[in-house]
N, C-alpha and C. Protein backbone atom coordinates (compact mmCIF):
# COMPACT_ATOMS: atom_id res chain seq x y z
N HIS A 1 -49.14 -51.42 74.71
CA HIS A 1 -48.98 -52.97 74.54
C HIS A 1 -49.18 -53.41 73.64
N ASP A 2 -50.63 -53.48 72.74
CA ASP A 2 -51.62 -53.75 71.70
C ASP A 2 -51.10 -53.39 70.51
N VAL A 3 -50.09 -52.39 70.28
CA VAL A 3 -49.27 -51.94 68.87
C VAL A 3 -48.30 -52.87 69.06
N ALA A 4 -47.38 -52.88 69.78
CA ALA A 4 -46.82 -53.72 70.00
C ALA A 4 -46.61 -55.41 69.44
N ALA A 5 -48.04 -56.30 70.17
CA ALA A 5 -47.98 -57.27 69.78
C ALA A 5 -48.75 -57.61 68.32
N VAL A 6 -49.06 -56.28 67.90
CA VAL A 6 -49.59 -56.12 66.09
C VAL A 6 -48.29 -55.93 65.66
N LEU A 7 -47.58 -55.38 65.64
CA LEU A 7 -46.60 -55.26 65.08
C LEU A 7 -45.39 -56.24 65.17
N ASN A 8 -45.21 -56.84 66.17
CA ASN A 8 -44.61 -57.99 66.25
C ASN A 8 -44.88 -59.09 65.38
N ALA A 9 -46.14 -59.35 65.38
CA ALA A 9 -46.64 -60.38 64.12
C ALA A 9 -46.83 -60.22 63.09
N ALA A 10 -46.09 -59.12 62.55
CA ALA A 10 -45.97 -58.79 61.39
C ALA A 10 -44.59 -58.73 60.50
N ASP A 11 -44.61 -58.77 59.66
CA ASP A 11 -42.63 -58.89 58.74
C ASP A 11 -42.90 -57.47 58.11
N VAL A 12 -44.04 -57.04 57.51
CA VAL A 12 -44.00 -56.01 56.73
C VAL A 12 -45.15 -54.29 56.95
N LEU A 13 -45.15 -53.61 56.92
CA LEU A 13 -45.80 -52.53 57.70
C LEU A 13 -46.71 -51.28 56.27
N LEU A 14 -47.87 -51.90 56.01
CA LEU A 14 -48.29 -51.36 54.59
C LEU A 14 -49.61 -50.01 55.17
N LEU A 15 -48.88 -48.79 54.58
CA LEU A 15 -49.34 -47.78 54.65
C LEU A 15 -49.89 -46.72 53.42
N PRO A 16 -50.84 -47.07 53.17
CA PRO A 16 -51.14 -46.97 51.68
C PRO A 16 -52.13 -45.73 51.81
N SER A 17 -51.69 -44.86 53.09
CA SER A 17 -52.13 -43.51 52.21
C SER A 17 -52.48 -42.63 51.21
N ARG A 18 -53.73 -42.38 51.54
CA ARG A 18 -54.03 -41.32 50.27
C ARG A 18 -53.67 -40.17 50.67
N PHE A 19 -53.36 -39.70 52.39
CA PHE A 19 -52.94 -38.78 52.53
C PHE A 19 -52.50 -38.92 54.12
N ASP A 20 -51.37 -38.69 54.86
CA ASP A 20 -51.06 -38.21 56.32
C ASP A 20 -50.31 -37.81 56.47
N GLY A 21 -50.36 -36.74 57.15
CA GLY A 21 -49.49 -36.02 56.96
C GLY A 21 -47.55 -35.98 57.76
N TRP A 22 -47.89 -37.36 58.95
CA TRP A 22 -47.10 -38.44 59.08
C TRP A 22 -47.03 -39.56 59.71
N GLY A 23 -48.35 -40.31 60.05
CA GLY A 23 -47.76 -41.39 59.97
C GLY A 23 -47.24 -42.16 61.28
N VAL A 24 -47.24 -41.94 62.46
CA VAL A 24 -46.43 -42.20 63.37
C VAL A 24 -46.53 -43.73 63.28
N VAL A 25 -47.37 -44.38 62.67
CA VAL A 25 -46.96 -46.04 63.28
C VAL A 25 -46.45 -46.19 62.37
N ALA A 26 -45.32 -45.63 61.34
CA ALA A 26 -44.54 -45.71 60.48
C ALA A 26 -42.90 -45.76 61.01
N ASN A 27 -42.88 -45.14 61.99
CA ASN A 27 -42.06 -44.51 63.38
C ASN A 27 -42.16 -45.60 64.03
N GLU A 28 -43.35 -46.43 64.47
CA GLU A 28 -43.21 -47.49 65.67
C GLU A 28 -42.97 -48.74 64.82
N ALA A 29 -43.04 -48.71 63.52
CA ALA A 29 -42.95 -50.24 63.20
C ALA A 29 -41.13 -50.44 62.57
N ALA A 30 -40.77 -49.58 62.35
CA ALA A 30 -39.01 -48.95 62.09
C ALA A 30 -38.98 -49.50 63.66
N ALA A 31 -38.95 -48.65 64.71
CA ALA A 31 -38.70 -48.92 66.12
C ALA A 31 -38.65 -50.57 66.15
N HIS A 32 -39.29 -51.16 65.29
CA HIS A 32 -39.69 -52.94 65.46
C HIS A 32 -39.02 -53.58 64.76
N ALA A 33 -38.30 -52.91 64.12
CA ALA A 33 -37.34 -53.41 62.76
C ALA A 33 -38.53 -54.10 61.94
N LYS A 34 -39.25 -53.52 61.21
CA LYS A 34 -40.30 -53.62 60.25
C LYS A 34 -39.84 -53.48 58.77
N ALA A 35 -40.11 -54.29 57.88
CA ALA A 35 -39.98 -53.23 56.79
C ALA A 35 -41.26 -52.98 56.48
N LEU A 36 -40.62 -51.35 55.32
CA LEU A 36 -41.94 -50.55 55.65
C LEU A 36 -42.74 -50.26 53.81
N ILE A 37 -44.11 -50.37 53.72
CA ILE A 37 -44.45 -50.00 52.58
C ILE A 37 -45.29 -49.04 52.45
N LEU A 38 -44.65 -47.06 52.20
CA LEU A 38 -45.70 -46.44 53.08
C LEU A 38 -46.08 -45.44 51.06
N SER A 39 -47.15 -44.46 51.47
CA SER A 39 -47.96 -44.06 50.37
C SER A 39 -46.35 -42.61 50.33
N ALA A 40 -46.58 -42.40 48.85
CA ALA A 40 -45.74 -40.82 48.66
C ALA A 40 -46.45 -39.41 49.36
N GLN A 41 -47.62 -39.73 49.73
CA GLN A 41 -48.61 -38.91 50.20
C GLN A 41 -48.51 -39.13 51.91
N CYS A 42 -47.92 -40.17 52.58
CA CYS A 42 -47.09 -40.09 54.03
C CYS A 42 -45.98 -39.64 54.41
N GLY A 43 -46.23 -38.21 55.05
CA GLY A 43 -44.82 -37.53 55.83
C GLY A 43 -43.43 -38.40 55.84
N ALA A 44 -43.99 -39.45 56.32
CA ALA A 44 -42.84 -40.52 57.15
C ALA A 44 -42.12 -41.25 56.23
N ALA A 45 -42.79 -40.90 54.84
CA ALA A 45 -42.17 -41.99 54.20
C ALA A 45 -41.03 -41.40 53.18
N TRP A 46 -40.20 -39.82 53.19
CA TRP A 46 -39.26 -39.16 53.00
C TRP A 46 -38.48 -39.20 53.81
N HIS A 47 -38.48 -39.63 55.02
CA HIS A 47 -37.50 -40.04 56.26
C HIS A 47 -37.08 -40.89 56.38
N LEU A 48 -38.31 -42.16 56.01
CA LEU A 48 -38.46 -43.42 56.83
C LEU A 48 -37.48 -44.58 56.09
N VAL A 49 -38.07 -44.08 54.53
CA VAL A 49 -37.88 -44.91 53.91
C VAL A 49 -36.98 -44.91 52.74
N GLU A 50 -35.92 -45.71 52.55
CA GLU A 50 -34.94 -45.71 51.81
C GLU A 50 -35.14 -46.86 50.81
N PRO A 51 -36.21 -46.86 49.10
CA PRO A 51 -36.72 -47.51 48.78
C PRO A 51 -35.62 -48.26 48.20
N GLY A 52 -36.01 -49.96 48.27
CA GLY A 52 -35.04 -50.95 47.92
C GLY A 52 -33.88 -51.55 48.98
N ILE A 53 -34.30 -50.85 50.23
CA ILE A 53 -32.92 -50.77 51.23
C ILE A 53 -34.01 -51.10 52.58
N ASN A 54 -35.08 -50.46 53.42
CA ASN A 54 -35.75 -50.74 54.09
C ASN A 54 -37.34 -50.79 53.92
N GLY A 55 -37.84 -50.94 52.62
CA GLY A 55 -38.93 -50.67 52.16
C GLY A 55 -39.19 -50.04 50.47
N PHE A 56 -40.09 -49.65 50.61
CA PHE A 56 -40.97 -49.09 49.20
C PHE A 56 -41.61 -47.94 49.51
N VAL A 57 -41.68 -46.67 48.65
CA VAL A 57 -42.84 -45.69 48.80
C VAL A 57 -43.35 -46.16 47.30
N VAL A 58 -45.17 -46.08 47.84
CA VAL A 58 -45.86 -46.21 46.60
C VAL A 58 -46.84 -45.24 46.33
N ALA A 59 -47.24 -45.30 44.72
CA ALA A 59 -48.27 -43.99 44.37
C ALA A 59 -49.41 -44.34 45.40
N PRO A 60 -49.83 -43.04 45.83
CA PRO A 60 -51.41 -43.16 46.63
C PRO A 60 -52.19 -42.94 45.78
N GLY A 61 -52.98 -44.07 45.97
CA GLY A 61 -54.26 -44.93 45.49
C GLY A 61 -53.92 -45.89 43.81
N SER A 62 -52.57 -45.95 44.14
CA SER A 62 -52.22 -47.00 42.57
C SER A 62 -52.30 -48.50 43.36
N VAL A 63 -53.19 -49.33 42.90
CA VAL A 63 -53.15 -50.54 43.32
C VAL A 63 -52.39 -51.20 42.92
N GLU A 64 -51.62 -50.91 41.20
CA GLU A 64 -50.23 -51.57 40.54
C GLU A 64 -49.28 -51.17 41.62
N SER A 65 -48.93 -50.42 41.83
CA SER A 65 -47.36 -49.30 42.45
C SER A 65 -47.38 -50.58 43.75
N LEU A 66 -48.96 -50.67 44.45
CA LEU A 66 -48.89 -50.80 46.23
C LEU A 66 -48.96 -52.94 46.21
N SER A 67 -49.35 -53.14 44.58
CA SER A 67 -49.52 -54.46 44.46
C SER A 67 -48.12 -54.72 44.11
N ALA A 68 -47.27 -54.09 43.53
CA ALA A 68 -45.86 -54.26 42.99
C ALA A 68 -45.10 -54.48 44.22
N ALA A 69 -45.13 -53.52 45.07
CA ALA A 69 -44.21 -53.96 46.18
C ALA A 69 -44.39 -54.70 47.13
N MET A 70 -45.71 -54.97 47.25
CA MET A 70 -46.04 -56.25 48.00
C MET A 70 -45.64 -57.65 47.48
N SER A 71 -45.86 -57.66 46.10
CA SER A 71 -45.09 -58.89 45.26
C SER A 71 -43.13 -59.26 45.89
N ARG A 72 -43.47 -58.13 46.21
CA ARG A 72 -41.47 -58.28 46.45
C ARG A 72 -41.14 -58.73 47.36
N TYR A 73 -41.93 -58.50 49.06
CA TYR A 73 -42.10 -59.53 50.17
C TYR A 73 -42.23 -60.80 49.95
N VAL A 74 -43.47 -61.27 49.00
CA VAL A 74 -44.10 -62.48 48.92
C VAL A 74 -43.13 -63.16 47.86
N THR A 75 -42.21 -63.04 46.82
CA THR A 75 -41.53 -63.55 46.31
C THR A 75 -40.12 -63.26 46.87
N GLY A 76 -39.15 -62.49 47.70
CA GLY A 76 -38.37 -62.27 48.54
C GLY A 76 -38.34 -62.58 50.15
N GLY A 77 -39.42 -63.28 50.47
CA GLY A 77 -40.32 -64.28 51.52
C GLY A 77 -39.69 -63.46 52.85
N ARG A 78 -39.38 -63.74 53.89
CA ARG A 78 -38.90 -63.19 55.42
C ARG A 78 -37.74 -62.47 55.46
N ARG A 79 -36.81 -63.31 54.70
CA ARG A 79 -35.50 -62.90 54.40
C ARG A 79 -35.41 -61.65 54.10
N LEU A 80 -35.92 -61.53 52.96
CA LEU A 80 -35.87 -59.99 52.64
C LEU A 80 -36.48 -58.90 53.67
N ALA A 81 -37.85 -59.36 53.72
CA ALA A 81 -38.37 -58.54 55.12
C ALA A 81 -37.27 -58.62 56.58
N ALA A 82 -36.96 -59.40 57.26
CA ALA A 82 -36.05 -58.87 57.79
C ALA A 82 -34.48 -58.37 57.62
N ARG A 83 -34.35 -58.57 56.38
CA ARG A 83 -33.09 -57.51 56.14
C ARG A 83 -33.73 -56.29 55.94
N HIS A 84 -35.15 -55.70 55.77
CA HIS A 84 -34.99 -54.44 55.26
C HIS A 84 -35.39 -53.98 56.85
N GLY A 85 -36.02 -55.29 57.48
CA GLY A 85 -36.13 -54.68 59.07
C GLY A 85 -35.42 -53.98 59.79
N ALA A 86 -34.01 -54.64 59.40
CA ALA A 86 -32.59 -54.78 60.08
C ALA A 86 -32.25 -52.81 59.67
N GLU A 87 -32.67 -52.56 58.31
CA GLU A 87 -32.50 -51.33 58.00
C GLU A 87 -33.47 -50.22 58.33
N SER A 88 -34.69 -50.65 58.82
CA SER A 88 -35.19 -49.75 59.50
C SER A 88 -34.96 -49.43 60.94
N LEU A 89 -34.48 -50.69 61.24
CA LEU A 89 -33.90 -50.08 62.46
C LEU A 89 -32.76 -49.01 62.73
N ARG A 90 -31.91 -49.16 61.66
CA ARG A 90 -30.34 -48.07 61.69
C ARG A 90 -31.14 -46.88 61.38
N ILE A 91 -31.84 -46.96 60.69
CA ILE A 91 -32.80 -45.31 59.80
C ILE A 91 -33.56 -44.71 60.98
N ILE A 92 -34.30 -45.34 61.90
CA ILE A 92 -35.07 -44.26 63.18
C ILE A 92 -33.99 -44.25 64.25
N GLU A 93 -32.82 -45.03 63.97
CA GLU A 93 -32.09 -43.97 65.67
C GLU A 93 -31.70 -42.79 65.19
N ARG A 94 -31.42 -42.64 63.79
CA ARG A 94 -30.85 -41.10 63.19
C ARG A 94 -32.19 -40.59 63.75
N PHE A 95 -33.33 -40.38 64.12
CA PHE A 95 -34.52 -39.51 65.28
C PHE A 95 -34.45 -39.93 66.29
N SER A 96 -33.51 -40.38 67.39
CA SER A 96 -33.42 -41.14 68.70
C SER A 96 -33.38 -39.68 69.03
N CYS A 97 -33.34 -39.68 70.81
CA CYS A 97 -33.36 -37.98 71.62
C CYS A 97 -31.87 -37.94 71.44
N ASN A 98 -31.02 -39.31 71.68
CA ASN A 98 -29.43 -38.93 71.62
C ASN A 98 -29.24 -38.34 70.45
N ALA A 99 -29.38 -38.94 68.98
CA ALA A 99 -29.37 -38.35 68.22
C ALA A 99 -29.85 -37.14 67.65
N SER A 100 -30.68 -36.72 67.70
CA SER A 100 -31.31 -35.44 67.92
C SER A 100 -30.93 -34.20 68.86
N ALA A 101 -30.13 -34.31 69.79
CA ALA A 101 -30.25 -33.22 70.83
C ALA A 101 -28.65 -33.84 70.31
N GLN A 102 -27.70 -34.55 69.54
CA GLN A 102 -26.65 -33.87 69.04
C GLN A 102 -26.33 -33.16 68.00
N ARG A 103 -27.63 -33.08 67.36
CA ARG A 103 -27.77 -32.15 65.84
C ARG A 103 -27.85 -31.20 66.61
N LEU A 104 -28.65 -30.78 67.64
CA LEU A 104 -29.06 -29.58 67.87
C LEU A 104 -27.99 -28.94 68.74
N ILE A 105 -27.21 -29.71 69.26
CA ILE A 105 -25.82 -29.07 69.89
C ILE A 105 -25.19 -28.68 68.93
N SER A 106 -24.62 -29.24 67.52
CA SER A 106 -23.68 -29.19 66.83
C SER A 106 -24.46 -28.10 65.76
N THR A 107 -25.48 -27.94 66.01
CA THR A 107 -26.22 -26.49 64.75
C THR A 107 -26.05 -25.25 66.24
N VAL A 108 -26.21 -25.58 67.08
CA VAL A 108 -25.94 -24.72 68.24
C VAL A 108 -24.82 -23.93 68.64
N GLN A 109 -23.72 -24.95 68.44
CA GLN A 109 -22.38 -24.48 68.56
C GLN A 109 -21.61 -23.91 66.94
N THR A 110 -22.37 -24.50 65.80
CA THR A 110 -21.94 -23.86 64.48
C THR A 110 -22.45 -22.56 64.40
N TRP A 111 -23.83 -22.39 64.94
CA TRP A 111 -24.33 -20.61 64.94
C TRP A 111 -23.34 -20.04 66.03
N LEU A 112 -22.89 -20.40 67.41
CA LEU A 112 -22.36 -19.92 67.97
C LEU A 112 -20.91 -19.21 67.60
N SER A 113 -20.01 -19.96 67.07
CA SER A 113 -18.98 -20.24 66.30
C SER A 113 -19.01 -18.88 64.90
N SER A 114 -20.06 -18.95 64.11
CA SER A 114 -20.10 -17.53 63.31
C SER A 114 -20.44 -16.47 63.97
N GLN A 115 -20.89 -16.08 64.97
CA GLN A 115 -21.40 -14.97 65.50
C GLN A 115 -20.28 -14.42 66.48
N ALA A 116 -19.41 -15.54 66.84
CA ALA A 116 -17.97 -15.32 67.51
C ALA A 116 -17.04 -14.55 66.21
N GLY A 117 -17.40 -14.74 64.71
CA GLY A 117 -16.51 -14.62 63.92
C GLY A 117 -15.49 -15.98 63.40
N GLY A 118 -15.85 -16.68 63.90
CA GLY A 118 -15.05 -18.26 63.72
C GLY A 118 -14.78 -18.75 65.00
N ARG A 119 -14.35 -17.98 65.84
CA ARG A 119 -14.02 -18.19 67.31
C ARG A 119 -14.61 -18.86 67.68
N PRO A 120 -13.71 -19.85 68.56
CA PRO A 120 -14.96 -21.13 69.31
C PRO A 120 -15.50 -20.55 70.89
């Protein structure tokens, strides 16, 4: 409950890690419709951020890069953050249980079809 309360109080998630294997808080923020600013060294950045669409990927350790991304939300205001947050919610749906199950079913069906010589 505390994570949700903190995320709901924010407009943008900043995760400027020098290294983070995934950064699960980015998933949580996207599920709460937040804009994302993630370091390029955060694994989630490559799956959850479409630069300029729902947030920005910044260079790790670069104050200039982080500052430039943050400035976009200062000048764009809450309207930009809300628009990006809505896109984050759309993007995170790709990783829902249902979407993941559908990808697995499709992959297995494709494999089975290839094993049967193209027969369904």
